[in-house]
Amino acid sequence: MDYLNTARNDDHLQFDVMVVGEALIDVVTKVDSIVEHPGGSPANVAYGLGRLGVSTALLTAIGPDSRGDSIESHLHEAGVTLLPGARSLARTASASAVIEADGSASYVFDIAWDPAPSVPTYVPKILHTGSIATFLSPGAGVVRSLIEQAHDDCMVTYDPNIRPALLGSHSEAKAIFEDLVPLTDVVKLSDEDAKWLYPQKSLDDTAAHILGLGTGLTVITRGGDGSQFSTRATSISIPAVKCTVADTIGAGDSYMSALIFGFLSRGIDGFTPAVLEKLGHTAAAAAAITVQRPGANPPTLAELNNLFDMA
């Protein structure tokens, strides 16, 4: 099936960014409470982009239930368009997160990924995907076909957001990841993702390896230790913004949203050191705002600007 038609005449259907991937409900368990938040890494990225004022659409799969209603309402609050065919599952997926004393989260998933083959007839400026959607069948095949058709006509960004409990063998997951990388322009992953994929490599060697597979920019986040931006020509480190952590849910997704926001406005300068510095500081600021409050709650553009004004 031709998942993506490059007709660009339907201006009323155009979005700057199309995000492809799962949307689910995070069931967050703490010592004294259980709270549900809309989540899923791709949905979080889409929501974060909407909060930053970016014209964004999400291609996903949810159920015809109250949790699906909650996700749709949540996305609409940020101005994100849920693309047709989203209500394709029997029930909306969930991820049960247990929050530890240091704010870190561990997950148990109840998820299916089977998006309907119904997509818009345009190419966005940026297509973003990642997480469970790129690994879990049958939907992973839909995602790969979409990226394959789009990558010559738009920027493609990818965050594998590794969830070992939902993957097959290590070799199978690594093969899927390495098959997608050549179709991308940017790969962003956490240090935990990098160590799981390449346990024998240093972060520098992992970045070089991923670049060698064909992407143009690798970003490795290291939590409170900042992040590393690498191209074939340069590598720079960006410090994290010091803050008090409520929990880390959605921090990486907020970081990804801010990166994409930066890519849309960087112009023709490419991935020069100065551009990478600006991208990195903006993304780090977005993540810092997110971890200071519970759940996947990324900043608005006004909040992000305010943080820089106070710096």
Protein backbone atom coordinates (compact mmCIF):
# COMPACT_ATOMS: atom_id res chain seq x y z
CA MET A 1 0.00 0.00 0.00
CA ASP A 2 1.16 3.55 -0.73
CA TYR A 3 1.03 4.88 2.84
CA LEU A 4 2.14 8.37 1.98
CA ASN A 5 1.27 10.31 -1.15
CA THR A 6 3.43 13.35 -1.87
CA ALA A 7 0.63 15.53 -3.22
CA ARG A 8 1.16 18.88 -1.52
CA ASN A 9 -1.84 20.74 -2.89
CA ASP A 10 -4.13 20.13 0.12
CA ASP A 11 -2.88 23.08 2.16
CA HIS A 12 -5.75 22.78 4.61
CA LEU A 13 -4.43 19.33 5.57
CA GLN A 14 -0.80 20.34 6.00
CA PHE A 15 1.01 20.00 9.32
CA ASP A 16 4.58 20.98 10.09
CA VAL A 17 5.15 17.75 12.02
CA MET A 18 3.55 14.32 11.81
CA VAL A 19 4.24 12.01 14.75
CA VAL A 20 3.68 8.29 14.27
CA GLY A 21 3.39 5.94 17.23
CA GLU A 22 1.57 4.72 20.29
CA ALA A 23 -0.69 6.65 22.64
CA LEU A 24 -1.56 5.06 25.96
CA ILE A 25 -2.49 5.72 29.57
CA ASP A 26 0.24 5.90 32.22
CA VAL A 27 -1.09 4.48 35.49
CA VAL A 28 1.29 6.04 38.00
CA THR A 29 1.62 4.37 41.39
CA LYS A 30 3.29 6.21 44.26
CA VAL A 31 3.38 5.41 47.97
CA ASP A 32 0.10 7.20 48.66
CA SER A 33 -1.70 7.46 45.33
CA ILE A 34 -2.60 6.00 41.94
CA VAL A 35 -3.11 8.54 39.14
CA GLU A 36 -3.75 8.11 35.42
CA HIS A 37 -2.09 10.36 32.81
CA PRO A 38 -2.30 10.21 29.00
CA GLY A 39 1.10 9.10 27.73
CA GLY A 40 3.07 7.00 25.29
CA SER A 41 6.34 8.41 23.98
CA PRO A 42 5.13 9.47 20.49
CA ALA A 43 1.90 10.94 21.89
CA ASN A 44 3.95 12.81 24.50
CA VAL A 45 6.19 14.22 21.76
CA ALA A 46 3.14 15.33 19.77
CA TYR A 47 1.62 16.93 22.86
CA GLY A 48 4.88 18.70 23.65
CA LEU A 49 5.06 20.07 20.12
CA GLY A 50 1.50 21.31 20.36
CA ARG A 51 2.32 23.10 23.62
CA LEU A 52 5.20 24.80 21.82
CA GLY A 53 2.81 26.08 19.14
CA VAL A 54 3.85 23.67 16.39
CA SER A 55 1.22 22.49 13.88
CA THR A 56 1.22 18.77 14.72
CA ALA A 57 -0.70 15.63 13.74
CA LEU A 58 -0.54 12.22 15.42
CA LEU A 59 -1.03 8.91 13.63
CA THR A 60 -1.80 6.41 16.38
CA ALA A 61 -4.11 3.62 17.55
CA ILE A 62 -6.39 3.84 20.61
CA GLY A 63 -9.61 2.16 21.73
CA PRO A 64 -13.27 3.29 21.71
CA ASP A 65 -13.28 3.68 25.48
CA SER A 66 -12.98 6.30 28.21
CA ARG A 67 -9.20 6.09 28.20
CA GLY A 68 -9.20 6.74 24.47
CA ASP A 69 -11.49 9.71 25.07
CA SER A 70 -9.05 11.01 27.69
CA ILE A 71 -6.11 10.77 25.27
CA GLU A 72 -8.01 12.50 22.47
CA SER A 73 -9.15 15.32 24.76
CA HIS A 74 -5.61 15.71 26.12
CA LEU A 75 -4.12 16.03 22.63
CA HIS A 76 -6.79 18.47 21.48
CA GLU A 77 -6.03 20.69 24.48
CA ALA A 78 -2.56 21.19 23.01
CA GLY A 79 -3.89 21.73 19.48
CA VAL A 80 -2.74 18.32 18.20
CA THR A 81 -4.82 16.73 15.44
CA LEU A 82 -5.58 13.03 15.87
CA LEU A 83 -5.53 11.58 12.36
CA PRO A 84 -8.47 9.52 11.01
CA GLY A 85 -8.62 5.83 11.85
CA ALA A 86 -7.13 6.19 15.34
CA ARG A 87 -9.91 4.25 17.09
CA SER A 88 -8.67 0.95 15.71
CA LEU A 89 -7.96 -1.04 18.89
CA ALA A 90 -10.34 -3.05 21.05
CA ARG A 91 -9.11 -1.15 24.11
CA THR A 92 -6.66 1.64 24.79
CA ALA A 93 -3.19 0.53 25.85
CA SER A 94 -1.74 1.27 29.28
CA ALA A 95 1.62 1.43 31.03
CA SER A 96 1.72 0.99 34.80
CA ALA A 97 4.56 3.09 36.24
CA VAL A 98 5.90 2.68 39.77
CA ILE A 99 7.71 5.81 40.98
CA GLU A 100 10.77 5.20 43.15
CA ALA A 101 12.05 7.52 45.87
CA ASP A 102 14.52 9.19 43.47
CA GLY A 103 11.74 9.99 40.98
CA SER A 104 12.71 7.28 38.47
CA ALA A 105 9.99 5.12 36.94
CA SER A 106 9.70 1.40 36.13
CA TYR A 107 6.97 0.16 33.77
CA VAL A 108 4.64 -2.78 33.09
CA PHE A 109 2.77 -2.60 29.77
CA ASP A 110 -0.62 -3.75 28.49
CA ILE A 111 -0.34 -2.77 24.85
CA ALA A 112 -1.22 -3.72 21.29
CA TRP A 113 0.04 -1.75 18.29
CA ASP A 114 -2.05 -2.15 15.16
CA PRO A 115 -2.71 1.23 13.49
CA ALA A 116 -5.18 1.42 10.64
CA PRO A 117 -3.50 2.06 7.25
CA SER A 118 -5.16 5.46 6.98
CA VAL A 119 -2.72 8.35 6.57
CA PRO A 120 -2.76 11.90 5.17
CA THR A 121 -1.96 12.66 1.55
CA TYR A 122 0.93 15.04 2.20
CA VAL A 123 4.51 15.08 3.42
CA PRO A 124 5.14 17.13 6.58
CA LYS A 125 8.29 19.14 7.17
CA ILE A 126 9.32 16.64 9.85
CA LEU A 127 8.16 13.09 10.50
CA HIS A 128 8.91 11.75 13.96
CA THR A 129 8.55 8.20 15.23
CA GLY A 130 9.94 5.89 17.84
CA SER A 131 9.44 3.75 20.89
CA ILE A 132 7.18 0.70 20.95
CA ALA A 133 5.63 1.59 17.58
CA THR A 134 8.85 0.83 15.69
CA PHE A 135 9.38 -2.59 17.27
CA LEU A 136 5.97 -4.15 17.98
CA SER A 137 4.17 -6.04 15.21
CA PRO A 138 1.99 -5.73 13.28
CA GLY A 139 2.16 -1.93 13.42
CA ALA A 140 5.96 -1.72 13.15
CA GLY A 141 5.68 -2.68 9.48
CA VAL A 142 3.30 0.21 8.84
CA VAL A 143 5.71 2.61 10.53
CA ARG A 144 8.70 1.42 8.52
CA SER A 145 6.81 1.67 5.22
CA LEU A 146 5.76 5.22 6.06
CA ILE A 147 9.32 6.28 6.90
CA GLU A 148 10.68 4.60 3.79
CA GLN A 149 8.31 6.57 1.58
CA ALA A 150 8.84 9.89 3.40
CA HIS A 151 12.55 10.08 4.13
CA ASP A 152 13.60 11.51 0.76
CA ASP A 153 11.07 14.35 1.06
CA CYS A 154 11.21 15.45 4.70
CA MET A 155 13.35 15.32 7.84
CA VAL A 156 12.88 12.09 9.81
CA THR A 157 13.62 11.97 13.54
CA TYR A 158 13.73 8.76 15.58
CA ASP A 159 13.81 7.98 19.31
CA PRO A 160 13.93 4.20 19.96
CA ASN A 161 13.00 4.72 23.64
CA ILE A 162 13.87 1.10 24.40
CA ARG A 163 11.39 -0.88 26.53
CA PRO A 164 13.09 -4.29 26.99
CA ALA A 165 9.98 -5.93 28.45
CA LEU A 166 8.17 -5.45 25.13
CA LEU A 167 10.97 -6.46 22.77
CA GLY A 168 12.03 -9.82 21.44
CA SER A 169 15.62 -10.88 21.64
CA HIS A 170 18.39 -8.30 21.83
CA SER A 171 19.61 -9.25 18.36
CA GLU A 172 16.13 -8.86 16.86
CA ALA A 173 15.59 -5.45 18.45
CA LYS A 174 19.02 -4.21 17.39
CA ALA A 175 18.38 -5.40 13.84
CA ILE A 176 15.09 -3.47 13.70
CA PHE A 177 16.78 -0.36 15.07
CA GLU A 178 19.69 -0.57 12.64
CA ASP A 179 17.32 -1.15 9.73
CA LEU A 180 15.50 2.12 10.49
CA VAL A 181 18.52 4.34 11.18
CA PRO A 182 19.58 4.76 7.50
CA LEU A 183 16.11 6.21 6.79
CA THR A 184 16.51 8.94 9.43
CA ASP A 185 18.19 12.33 9.74
CA VAL A 186 18.32 12.43 13.54
CA VAL A 187 18.48 9.64 16.15
CA LYS A 188 17.95 10.65 19.76
CA LEU A 189 18.36 8.06 22.51
CA SER A 190 19.08 7.93 26.22
CA ASP A 191 22.29 6.58 27.68
CA GLU A 192 20.25 3.62 28.97
CA ASP A 193 19.01 2.95 25.42
CA ALA A 194 22.57 3.17 24.11
CA LYS A 195 23.93 0.79 26.75
CA TRP A 196 21.13 -1.72 26.12
CA LEU A 197 21.64 -1.68 22.35
CA TYR A 198 25.45 -1.67 22.49
CA PRO A 199 26.57 -2.91 25.93
CA GLN A 200 30.21 -3.28 24.86
CA LYS A 201 30.55 0.23 23.41
CA SER A 202 31.22 3.58 25.04
CA LEU A 203 28.72 6.35 24.38
CA ASP A 204 31.18 7.97 21.97
CA ASP A 205 31.61 4.71 20.08
CA THR A 206 27.85 4.17 20.01
CA ALA A 207 27.29 7.63 18.56
CA ALA A 208 29.95 6.99 15.90
CA HIS A 209 28.42 3.61 15.08
CA ILE A 210 24.92 5.05 14.64
CA LEU A 211 26.28 7.85 12.45
CA GLY A 212 28.04 5.20 10.39
CA LEU A 213 24.69 3.53 9.74
CA GLY A 214 23.57 6.64 7.87
CA THR A 215 21.86 9.19 10.10
CA GLY A 216 23.12 12.78 10.18
CA LEU A 217 22.92 13.62 13.90
CA THR A 218 22.98 11.47 17.02
CA VAL A 219 21.84 12.88 20.36
CA ILE A 220 22.47 10.85 23.52
CA THR A 221 20.83 12.15 26.69
CA ARG A 222 22.39 11.38 30.08
CA GLY A 223 19.83 12.67 32.57
CA GLY A 224 21.41 15.03 35.07
CA ASP A 225 24.76 14.68 33.30
CA GLY A 226 23.51 16.51 30.20
CA SER A 227 23.57 15.34 26.60
CA GLN A 228 25.95 14.65 23.73
CA PHE A 229 25.39 15.88 20.15
CA SER A 230 27.44 14.14 17.47
CA THR A 231 27.76 14.52 13.71
CA ARG A 232 30.46 13.20 11.42
CA ALA A 233 32.18 16.58 11.73
CA THR A 234 31.81 17.49 15.41
CA SER A 235 30.75 16.39 18.88
CA ILE A 236 29.65 18.70 21.71
CA SER A 237 28.32 18.25 25.24
CA ILE A 238 25.37 20.21 26.64
CA PRO A 239 24.90 20.46 30.44
CA ALA A 240 21.59 19.64 32.07
CA VAL A 241 19.64 22.41 33.79
CA LYS A 242 19.87 21.95 37.56
CA CYS A 243 16.45 21.50 39.16
CA THR A 244 14.44 19.56 41.75
CA VAL A 245 12.95 16.38 40.26
CA ALA A 246 9.33 15.39 40.93
CA ASP A 247 9.50 12.45 38.50
CA THR A 248 11.14 11.71 35.16
CA ILE A 249 8.01 10.68 33.23
CA GLY A 250 8.00 12.36 29.83
CA ALA A 251 11.33 14.14 30.28
CA GLY A 252 12.93 12.50 27.25
CA ASP A 253 9.83 13.14 25.17
CA SER A 254 9.76 16.81 26.18
CA TYR A 255 13.43 16.99 25.19
CA MET A 256 12.55 15.44 21.82
CA SER A 257 9.69 17.90 21.26
CA ALA A 258 11.99 20.83 21.89
CA LEU A 259 14.60 19.39 19.52
CA ILE A 260 12.04 19.11 16.74
CA PHE A 261 10.83 22.64 17.52
CA GLY A 262 14.42 23.77 17.07
CA PHE A 263 14.86 21.89 13.80
CA LEU A 264 11.86 23.73 12.35
CA SER A 265 13.44 27.11 13.04
CA ARG A 266 17.15 26.51 12.47
CA GLY A 267 17.03 27.65 8.83
CA ILE A 268 19.77 26.65 6.41
CA ASP A 269 22.65 26.64 8.90
CA GLY A 270 22.65 22.86 9.23
CA PHE A 271 24.17 21.06 12.19
CA THR A 272 26.98 23.53 12.91
CA PRO A 273 28.36 23.69 16.49
CA ALA A 274 26.48 26.95 17.10
CA VAL A 275 23.20 25.41 15.95
CA LEU A 276 23.77 22.30 18.05
CA GLU A 277 24.47 24.45 21.11
CA LYS A 278 21.20 26.29 20.68
CA LEU A 279 19.24 23.10 20.04
CA GLY A 280 20.78 21.41 23.07
CA HIS A 281 20.17 24.23 25.53
CA THR A 282 16.55 24.60 24.42
CA ALA A 283 15.90 20.85 24.75
CA ALA A 284 17.61 20.70 28.14
CA ALA A 285 15.45 23.57 29.39
CA ALA A 286 12.27 21.84 28.24
CA ALA A 287 13.24 18.61 30.01
CA ALA A 288 14.06 20.51 33.21
CA ILE A 289 10.64 22.14 33.30
CA THR A 290 8.99 18.75 32.75
CA VAL A 291 10.77 16.85 35.54
CA GLN A 292 9.81 19.47 38.12
CA ARG A 293 6.13 18.47 37.91
CA PRO A 294 4.35 15.10 37.94
CA GLY A 295 3.60 13.15 34.77
CA ALA A 296 4.34 13.97 31.15
CA ASN A 297 3.63 17.70 31.46
CA PRO A 298 5.90 19.57 29.01
CA PRO A 299 6.32 23.34 28.86
CA THR A 300 4.41 25.84 26.81
CA LEU A 301 6.41 28.13 24.58
CA ALA A 302 5.80 30.95 27.08
CA GLU A 303 7.23 28.84 29.93
CA LEU A 304 10.27 27.91 27.88
CA ASN A 305 10.90 31.53 26.91
CA ASN A 306 10.43 32.60 30.52
CA LEU A 307 13.13 30.19 31.69
CA PHE A 308 15.60 31.69 29.24
CA ASP A 309 14.57 35.22 30.23
CA MET A 310 15.39 34.42 33.87
CA ALA A 311 18.75 32.81 33.03
